[in-house]
Amino acid sequence: MKSSAECSRPRLAALAIVTSLLSACTTVGSERPTGVCPPVEEYDAGVLAQAAAEVQALPKGSAVVDMLSDYAVMREQARACVFP
């Protein structure tokens, strides 16, 4: 039987990822853009291949896959970010 610490580890990791991603988007005045677009890290082919292999190894129905999909959307939005 798994200990409760082992069972909660994936939840804590997911919470840390989500908190990190959401806190990067907060601003003091949310209605007025600050004029700063977030940087988008570019990954080389080796890192992308490793990430793809790791995602393939995840169990079916993994919440991490959904989170990565959200992350991909946020990366596209950051790439399109242009303030006048």
C-alpha atoms as a PDB file:
ATOM      1  CA  MET A   1       0.000   0.000   0.000  1.00  0.00           C
ATOM      2  CA  LYS A   2       1.299   3.439  -0.916  1.00  0.00           C
ATOM      3  CA  SER A   3       1.898   5.934   1.827  1.00  0.00           C
ATOM      4  CA  SER A   4      -0.208   9.076   1.796  1.00  0.00           C
ATOM      5  CA  ALA A   5       2.917  11.125   0.994  1.00  0.00           C
ATOM      6  CA  GLU A   6       3.462   9.058  -2.180  1.00  0.00           C
ATOM      7  CA  CYS A   7      -0.159   9.493  -3.250  1.00  0.00           C
ATOM      8  CA  SER A   8      -0.155  13.254  -2.805  1.00  0.00           C
ATOM      9  CA  ARG A   9       3.156  13.853  -4.606  1.00  0.00           C
ATOM     10  CA  PRO A  10       1.617  14.108  -8.131  1.00  0.00           C
ATOM     11  CA  ARG A  11      -1.057  16.490  -6.845  1.00  0.00           C
ATOM     12  CA  LEU A  12       1.549  18.697  -5.198  1.00  0.00           C
ATOM     13  CA  ALA A  13       3.634  18.747  -8.381  1.00  0.00           C
ATOM     14  CA  ALA A  14       0.598  19.719 -10.464  1.00  0.00           C
ATOM     15  CA  LEU A  15      -0.335  22.417  -7.959  1.00  0.00           C
ATOM     16  CA  ALA A  16       3.198  23.828  -8.090  1.00  0.00           C
ATOM     17  CA  ILE A  17       3.151  23.912 -11.905  1.00  0.00           C
ATOM     18  CA  VAL A  18      -0.252  25.588 -12.092  1.00  0.00           C
ATOM     19  CA  THR A  19       0.645  28.123  -9.393  1.00  0.00           C
ATOM     20  CA  SER A  20       3.864  28.981 -11.204  1.00  0.00           C
ATOM     21  CA  LEU A  21       2.111  29.425 -14.538  1.00  0.00           C
ATOM     22  CA  LEU A  22      -0.722  31.503 -13.114  1.00  0.00           C
ATOM     23  CA  SER A  23       1.474  33.744 -10.987  1.00  0.00           C
ATOM     24  CA  ALA A  24       3.495  34.661 -14.071  1.00  0.00           C
ATOM     25  CA  CYS A  25       0.357  36.195 -15.591  1.00  0.00           C
ATOM     26  CA  THR A  26      -0.737  38.386 -12.682  1.00  0.00           C
ATOM     27  CA  THR A  27      -0.419  42.153 -12.898  1.00  0.00           C
ATOM     28  CA  VAL A  28      -1.255  45.017 -10.559  1.00  0.00           C
ATOM     29  CA  GLY A  29      -3.673  46.642 -13.007  1.00  0.00           C
ATOM     30  CA  SER A  30      -5.278  43.755 -14.832  1.00  0.00           C
ATOM     31  CA  GLU A  31      -7.350  45.988 -17.135  1.00  0.00           C
ATOM     32  CA  ARG A  32      -4.373  47.925 -18.472  1.00  0.00           C
ATOM     33  CA  PRO A  33      -1.575  46.073 -20.277  1.00  0.00           C
ATOM     34  CA  THR A  34       1.908  46.888 -19.053  1.00  0.00           C
ATOM     35  CA  GLY A  35       3.509  46.718 -22.488  1.00  0.00           C
ATOM     36  CA  VAL A  36       5.710  43.772 -21.586  1.00  0.00           C
ATOM     37  CA  CYS A  37       5.243  40.447 -23.319  1.00  0.00           C
ATOM     38  CA  PRO A  38       6.480  37.321 -21.558  1.00  0.00           C
ATOM     39  CA  PRO A  39       9.502  35.625 -23.122  1.00  0.00           C
ATOM     40  CA  VAL A  40       8.960  32.314 -24.888  1.00  0.00           C
ATOM     41  CA  GLU A  41      11.726  29.771 -24.374  1.00  0.00           C
ATOM     42  CA  GLU A  42      12.746  27.969 -27.560  1.00  0.00           C
ATOM     43  CA  TYR A  43      13.611  24.279 -27.163  1.00  0.00           C
ATOM     44  CA  ASP A  44      16.010  22.373 -29.404  1.00  0.00           C
ATOM     45  CA  ALA A  45      15.006  19.188 -31.239  1.00  0.00           C
ATOM     46  CA  GLY A  46      16.653  16.939 -28.642  1.00  0.00           C
ATOM     47  CA  VAL A  47      14.663  18.401 -25.764  1.00  0.00           C
ATOM     48  CA  LEU A  48      11.441  18.229 -27.794  1.00  0.00           C
ATOM     49  CA  ALA A  49      12.095  14.558 -28.634  1.00  0.00           C
ATOM     50  CA  GLN A  50      12.787  13.764 -24.977  1.00  0.00           C
ATOM     51  CA  ALA A  51       9.603  15.554 -23.891  1.00  0.00           C
ATOM     52  CA  ALA A  52       7.565  13.672 -26.510  1.00  0.00           C
ATOM     53  CA  ALA A  53       8.943  10.340 -25.278  1.00  0.00           C
ATOM     54  CA  GLU A  54       8.168  11.247 -21.671  1.00  0.00           C
ATOM     55  CA  VAL A  55       4.606  12.288 -22.554  1.00  0.00           C
ATOM     56  CA  GLN A  56       4.117   9.003 -24.427  1.00  0.00           C
ATOM     57  CA  ALA A  57       5.140   7.142 -21.249  1.00  0.00           C
ATOM     58  CA  LEU A  58       2.434   8.828 -19.155  1.00  0.00           C
ATOM     59  CA  PRO A  59      -0.573   6.702 -18.213  1.00  0.00           C
ATOM     60  CA  LYS A  60      -3.720   7.086 -20.293  1.00  0.00           C
ATOM     61  CA  GLY A  61      -5.949   9.890 -18.992  1.00  0.00           C
ATOM     62  CA  SER A  62      -3.067  11.677 -17.252  1.00  0.00           C
ATOM     63  CA  ALA A  63      -3.880  15.200 -16.082  1.00  0.00           C
ATOM     64  CA  VAL A  64      -0.371  16.255 -17.110  1.00  0.00           C
ATOM     65  CA  VAL A  65      -1.333  15.879 -20.779  1.00  0.00           C
ATOM     66  CA  ASP A  66      -4.229  18.333 -20.301  1.00  0.00           C
ATOM     67  CA  MET A  67      -1.938  20.748 -18.475  1.00  0.00           C
ATOM     68  CA  LEU A  68       0.622  20.580 -21.287  1.00  0.00           C
ATOM     69  CA  SER A  69      -2.130  21.359 -23.776  1.00  0.00           C
ATOM     70  CA  ASP A  70      -3.003  24.489 -21.777  1.00  0.00           C
ATOM     71  CA  TYR A  71       0.695  25.383 -21.648  1.00  0.00           C
ATOM     72  CA  ALA A  72       0.916  25.113 -25.448  1.00  0.00           C
ATOM     73  CA  VAL A  73      -1.983  27.563 -25.813  1.00  0.00           C
ATOM     74  CA  MET A  74      -0.310  30.002 -23.418  1.00  0.00           C
ATOM     75  CA  ARG A  75       2.950  29.769 -25.401  1.00  0.00           C
ATOM     76  CA  GLU A  76       1.097  30.623 -28.611  1.00  0.00           C
ATOM     77  CA  GLN A  77      -0.575  33.574 -26.897  1.00  0.00           C
ATOM     78  CA  ALA A  78       2.799  34.796 -25.631  1.00  0.00           C
ATOM     79  CA  ARG A  79       4.269  34.525 -29.140  1.00  0.00           C
ATOM     80  CA  ALA A  80       1.385  36.612 -30.501  1.00  0.00           C
ATOM     81  CA  CYS A  81       1.727  39.216 -27.724  1.00  0.00           C
ATOM     82  CA  VAL A  82       2.288  42.680 -29.187  1.00  0.00           C
ATOM     83  CA  PHE A  83       1.529  45.929 -27.374  1.00  0.00           C
ATOM     84  CA  PRO A  84       1.303  49.226 -29.255  1.00  0.00           C
END
